[in-house]
């Protein structure tokens, strides 16, 4: 992952006991996902999107760890990140967490609206949609005043689109259009999903119809931004 801060190497999260996370307890896993902290107390860099995963429930995190433990073990060793100063000073991440790590919801929704509550959970937590669709502040944290309003493409070319219901976002899309896009990869004007969103959409297609409806309802209900 090439970023303005340097190059991050994605770690082994297979259940290998040495190179992966097979030796982790469920508490170790929850601490990593919620607090960005390793079993030996080191801070993880927020290229690992724990700033979104912090909103996930303990039950879902434990289910996820149980699933990961069923996968084949991989013997690939982990590479050291190649980061620029001062970003290579890991202790500074503690300050980053004070500024950016927040388990509160980003957007308020109508209390008691189960569909919107579910959509908010999926988008703001496990779906971590804001990590690509929201611009970042000077520290690399998400600028939630511009939540889902589009951002520079982390792959280096172009821009990740605005997915708020604003004029430059999804204003012309119905809730059904969004649901169908997440299921099929087809836009209302018969274009197809492209870039890194292909993998995201293919995973979204495995969600239940109700979960795709919840995501669509949330995206139509959040503040409109240009």
Protein backbone atom coordinates (compact mmCIF):
# COMPACT_ATOMS: atom_id res chain seq x y z
CA UNK A 1 0.00 0.00 0.00
CA UNK A 2 1.81 3.11 -1.28
CA UNK A 3 0.75 6.23 0.65
CA UNK A 4 2.09 9.76 1.24
CA UNK A 5 3.49 8.44 4.53
CA UNK A 6 5.43 5.58 2.94
CA UNK A 7 4.78 1.98 1.95
CA UNK A 8 2.75 -0.34 4.17
CA UNK A 9 3.04 -4.10 3.76
CA UNK A 10 -0.17 -5.99 4.47
CA UNK A 11 0.37 -8.59 7.23
CA UNK A 12 -0.38 -12.28 7.37
CA UNK A 13 -3.71 -12.82 9.19
CA UNK A 14 -3.99 -16.52 8.49
CA UNK A 15 -4.15 -18.85 11.53
CA UNK A 16 -0.44 -19.70 11.26
CA UNK A 17 0.83 -19.75 14.86
CA UNK A 18 4.11 -17.94 14.06
CA UNK A 19 3.57 -15.73 11.03
CA UNK A 20 -0.18 -15.19 11.34
CA UNK A 21 -2.66 -14.74 14.17
CA UNK A 22 -3.21 -18.38 15.09
CA UNK A 23 -1.66 -17.82 18.49
CA UNK A 24 -3.95 -14.89 19.31
CA UNK A 25 -6.75 -15.13 21.80
CA UNK A 26 -10.12 -13.60 21.00
CA UNK A 27 -9.23 -10.77 23.41
CA UNK A 28 -6.02 -10.13 21.43
CA UNK A 29 -8.12 -9.91 18.27
CA UNK A 30 -10.68 -7.53 19.82
CA UNK A 31 -7.87 -5.29 21.13
CA UNK A 32 -6.35 -5.14 17.65
CA UNK A 33 -9.66 -4.38 15.94
CA UNK A 34 -10.93 -1.88 18.52
CA UNK A 35 -7.77 -0.26 19.83
CA UNK A 36 -5.17 -0.88 17.12
CA UNK A 37 -2.94 -2.61 19.68
CA UNK A 38 -0.91 -5.78 19.16
CA UNK A 39 -0.80 -8.64 21.71
CA UNK A 40 2.59 -7.35 22.88
CA UNK A 41 1.29 -3.79 23.32
CA UNK A 42 2.59 -2.12 20.16
CA UNK A 43 0.48 0.41 18.28
CA UNK A 44 -0.67 -0.63 14.84
CA UNK A 45 -0.51 1.92 12.06
CA UNK A 46 -3.99 3.12 11.04
CA UNK A 47 -3.47 1.88 7.49
CA UNK A 48 -5.19 -1.03 9.24
CA UNK A 49 -8.64 0.62 9.52
CA UNK A 50 -9.30 -0.01 13.20
CA UNK A 51 -10.67 3.55 13.40
CA UNK A 52 -13.71 2.08 11.64
CA UNK A 53 -13.62 -1.40 13.18
CA UNK A 54 -13.83 0.18 16.64
CA UNK A 55 -17.58 0.50 15.96
CA UNK A 56 -18.02 -3.26 15.49
CA UNK A 57 -19.74 -5.31 18.20
CA UNK A 58 -17.80 -7.76 20.34
CA UNK A 59 -20.05 -10.56 19.08
CA UNK A 60 -19.20 -9.84 15.41
CA UNK A 61 -15.50 -9.59 16.17
CA UNK A 62 -15.48 -12.94 17.97
CA UNK A 63 -17.38 -14.52 15.07
CA UNK A 64 -14.84 -13.05 12.65
CA UNK A 65 -11.90 -14.45 14.62
CA UNK A 66 -13.59 -17.86 14.72
CA UNK A 67 -13.97 -17.75 10.94
CA UNK A 68 -10.34 -16.68 10.34
CA UNK A 69 -9.21 -19.61 12.47
CA UNK A 70 -10.83 -21.99 9.93
CA UNK A 71 -8.74 -20.74 6.99
CA UNK A 72 -5.58 -22.45 5.69
CA UNK A 73 -2.34 -21.47 7.40
CA UNK A 74 0.09 -19.38 5.33
CA UNK A 75 3.82 -19.41 6.08
CA UNK A 76 4.51 -15.99 4.57
CA UNK A 77 6.53 -13.84 6.95
CA UNK A 78 5.57 -10.22 7.56
CA UNK A 79 7.59 -7.45 5.92
CA UNK A 80 8.62 -4.31 7.78
CA UNK A 81 6.84 -1.12 6.68
CA UNK A 82 8.98 1.38 4.73
CA UNK A 83 7.86 4.73 6.18
CA UNK A 84 9.21 8.26 6.15
CA UNK A 85 10.22 10.22 9.26
CA UNK A 86 8.39 11.05 11.53
CA UNK A 87 5.79 8.45 10.54
CA UNK A 88 8.26 5.63 11.21
CA UNK A 89 8.21 6.52 14.94
CA UNK A 90 5.53 4.13 16.11
CA UNK A 91 5.13 5.75 19.53
CA UNK A 92 3.57 8.77 17.85
CA UNK A 93 0.54 6.68 16.91
CA UNK A 94 -0.67 7.04 20.48
CA UNK A 95 -1.20 10.76 19.79
CA UNK A 96 -2.91 9.90 16.49
CA UNK A 97 -5.35 7.70 18.39
CA UNK A 98 -6.16 10.50 20.83
CA UNK A 99 -7.04 12.71 17.87
CA UNK A 100 -8.81 10.21 15.63
CA UNK A 101 -9.94 7.04 17.38
CA UNK A 102 -13.62 7.39 18.28
CA UNK A 103 -16.20 4.64 18.73
CA UNK A 104 -19.15 7.02 18.42
CA UNK A 105 -21.31 6.93 15.31
CA UNK A 106 -20.44 9.50 12.63
CA UNK A 107 -24.02 10.25 11.55
CA UNK A 108 -27.10 10.52 13.75
CA UNK A 109 -30.13 8.55 12.54
CA UNK A 110 -33.74 8.41 13.68
CA UNK A 111 -33.89 6.48 16.98
CA UNK A 112 -35.82 3.25 16.60
CA UNK A 113 -35.33 3.03 12.83
CA UNK A 114 -33.84 -0.46 12.68
CA UNK A 115 -33.07 -0.27 8.96
CA UNK A 116 -31.05 2.92 9.29
CA UNK A 117 -29.35 1.69 12.45
CA UNK A 118 -28.26 -1.47 10.65
CA UNK A 119 -27.10 0.50 7.61
CA UNK A 120 -25.09 2.86 9.77
CA UNK A 121 -23.43 -0.05 11.54
CA UNK A 122 -22.48 -1.76 8.28
CA UNK A 123 -21.18 1.38 6.55
CA UNK A 124 -19.39 3.02 9.47
CA UNK A 125 -18.05 -0.18 11.03
CA UNK A 126 -17.27 -3.45 9.23
CA UNK A 127 -17.80 -1.98 5.75
CA UNK A 128 -15.32 0.85 6.60
CA UNK A 129 -16.64 2.80 3.59
CA UNK A 130 -15.35 6.08 4.97
CA UNK A 131 -11.74 4.92 4.74
CA UNK A 132 -11.78 5.49 0.98
CA UNK A 133 -14.80 7.75 0.38
CA UNK A 134 -13.94 10.40 3.01
CA UNK A 135 -11.05 12.90 2.70
CA UNK A 136 -8.41 12.99 5.42
CA UNK A 137 -7.09 15.68 7.72
CA UNK A 138 -3.46 16.71 8.19
CA UNK A 139 -2.76 13.71 10.44
CA UNK A 140 -4.23 11.15 8.07
CA UNK A 141 -7.42 10.76 10.10
CA UNK A 142 -10.83 11.00 8.46
CA UNK A 143 -12.36 14.46 8.04
CA UNK A 144 -15.85 13.55 9.21
CA UNK A 145 -17.19 16.99 8.28
CA UNK A 146 -16.87 15.67 4.71
CA UNK A 147 -18.18 12.19 5.51
CA UNK A 148 -18.41 10.07 2.32
CA UNK A 149 -18.10 13.19 0.11
CA UNK A 150 -15.31 11.72 -2.03
CA UNK A 151 -11.54 11.65 -1.64
CA UNK A 152 -8.28 11.10 -3.54
CA UNK A 153 -7.93 7.56 -4.81
CA UNK A 154 -5.57 5.60 -2.50
CA UNK A 155 -4.49 3.63 -5.59
CA UNK A 156 -2.99 6.87 -6.91
CA UNK A 157 -5.15 7.81 -9.92
CA UNK A 158 -8.41 9.75 -10.03
CA UNK A 159 -10.83 10.21 -7.17
CA UNK A 160 -13.03 7.98 -5.06
CA UNK A 161 -16.58 9.25 -5.67
CA UNK A 162 -18.96 11.15 -3.46
CA UNK A 163 -21.60 8.70 -2.19
CA UNK A 164 -23.71 11.15 -0.20
CA UNK A 165 -27.17 12.03 -1.61
CA UNK A 166 -25.77 15.37 -2.81
CA UNK A 167 -25.79 16.84 -6.32
CA UNK A 168 -22.38 15.36 -7.14
CA UNK A 169 -23.14 12.12 -5.36
CA UNK A 170 -26.09 9.73 -5.41
CA UNK A 171 -28.89 12.30 -5.69
CA UNK A 172 -30.25 10.78 -8.91
CA UNK A 173 -30.00 7.21 -7.59
CA UNK A 174 -33.00 5.67 -5.88
CA UNK A 175 -32.59 3.40 -2.89
CA UNK A 176 -33.36 0.49 -5.22
CA UNK A 177 -30.62 1.64 -7.62
CA UNK A 178 -28.05 1.47 -4.81
CA UNK A 179 -29.26 -1.95 -3.71
CA UNK A 180 -29.03 -3.29 -7.27
CA UNK A 181 -25.58 -1.79 -7.76
CA UNK A 182 -24.30 -3.52 -4.62
CA UNK A 183 -25.78 -6.80 -5.82
CA UNK A 184 -24.90 -6.67 -9.54
CA UNK A 185 -22.22 -4.03 -10.06
CA UNK A 186 -24.46 -2.19 -12.55
CA UNK A 187 -25.22 1.53 -12.27
CA UNK A 188 -28.61 3.07 -13.20
CA UNK A 189 -27.16 4.15 -16.58
CA UNK A 190 -25.90 0.59 -17.28
CA UNK A 191 -22.26 1.29 -16.58
CA UNK A 192 -20.31 -1.26 -14.52
CA UNK A 193 -18.31 -1.00 -11.32
CA UNK A 194 -14.57 -0.49 -11.85
CA UNK A 195 -11.24 -0.20 -10.08
CA UNK A 196 -10.78 -1.39 -6.52
CA UNK A 197 -14.55 -1.11 -6.01
CA UNK A 198 -14.94 -4.33 -8.01
CA UNK A 199 -13.71 -6.42 -5.08
CA UNK A 200 -15.88 -4.46 -2.66
CA UNK A 201 -19.01 -4.91 -4.77
CA UNK A 202 -18.37 -8.62 -5.23
CA UNK A 203 -18.24 -8.99 -1.46
CA UNK A 204 -21.33 -6.84 -0.99
CA UNK A 205 -23.18 -9.20 -3.33
CA UNK A 206 -22.79 -11.91 -0.67
CA UNK A 207 -24.66 -9.82 1.91
CA UNK A 208 -28.29 -10.52 2.56
CA UNK A 209 -30.86 -8.50 0.64
CA UNK A 210 -31.87 -6.87 3.92
CA UNK A 211 -28.31 -5.73 4.62
CA UNK A 212 -27.94 -4.23 1.13
CA UNK A 213 -31.27 -2.44 1.68
CA UNK A 214 -29.99 -1.11 5.01
CA UNK A 215 -26.80 0.25 3.41
CA UNK A 216 -28.82 1.92 0.65
CA UNK A 217 -31.24 3.47 3.13
CA UNK A 218 -28.35 4.89 5.16
CA UNK A 219 -26.63 6.37 2.09
CA UNK A 220 -29.86 8.14 1.11
CA UNK A 221 -30.38 9.48 4.64
CA UNK A 222 -26.95 10.99 5.45
CA UNK A 223 -26.22 14.72 4.94
CA UNK A 224 -25.88 15.77 1.30
CA UNK A 225 -22.45 17.15 0.44
CA UNK A 226 -21.14 18.56 -2.82
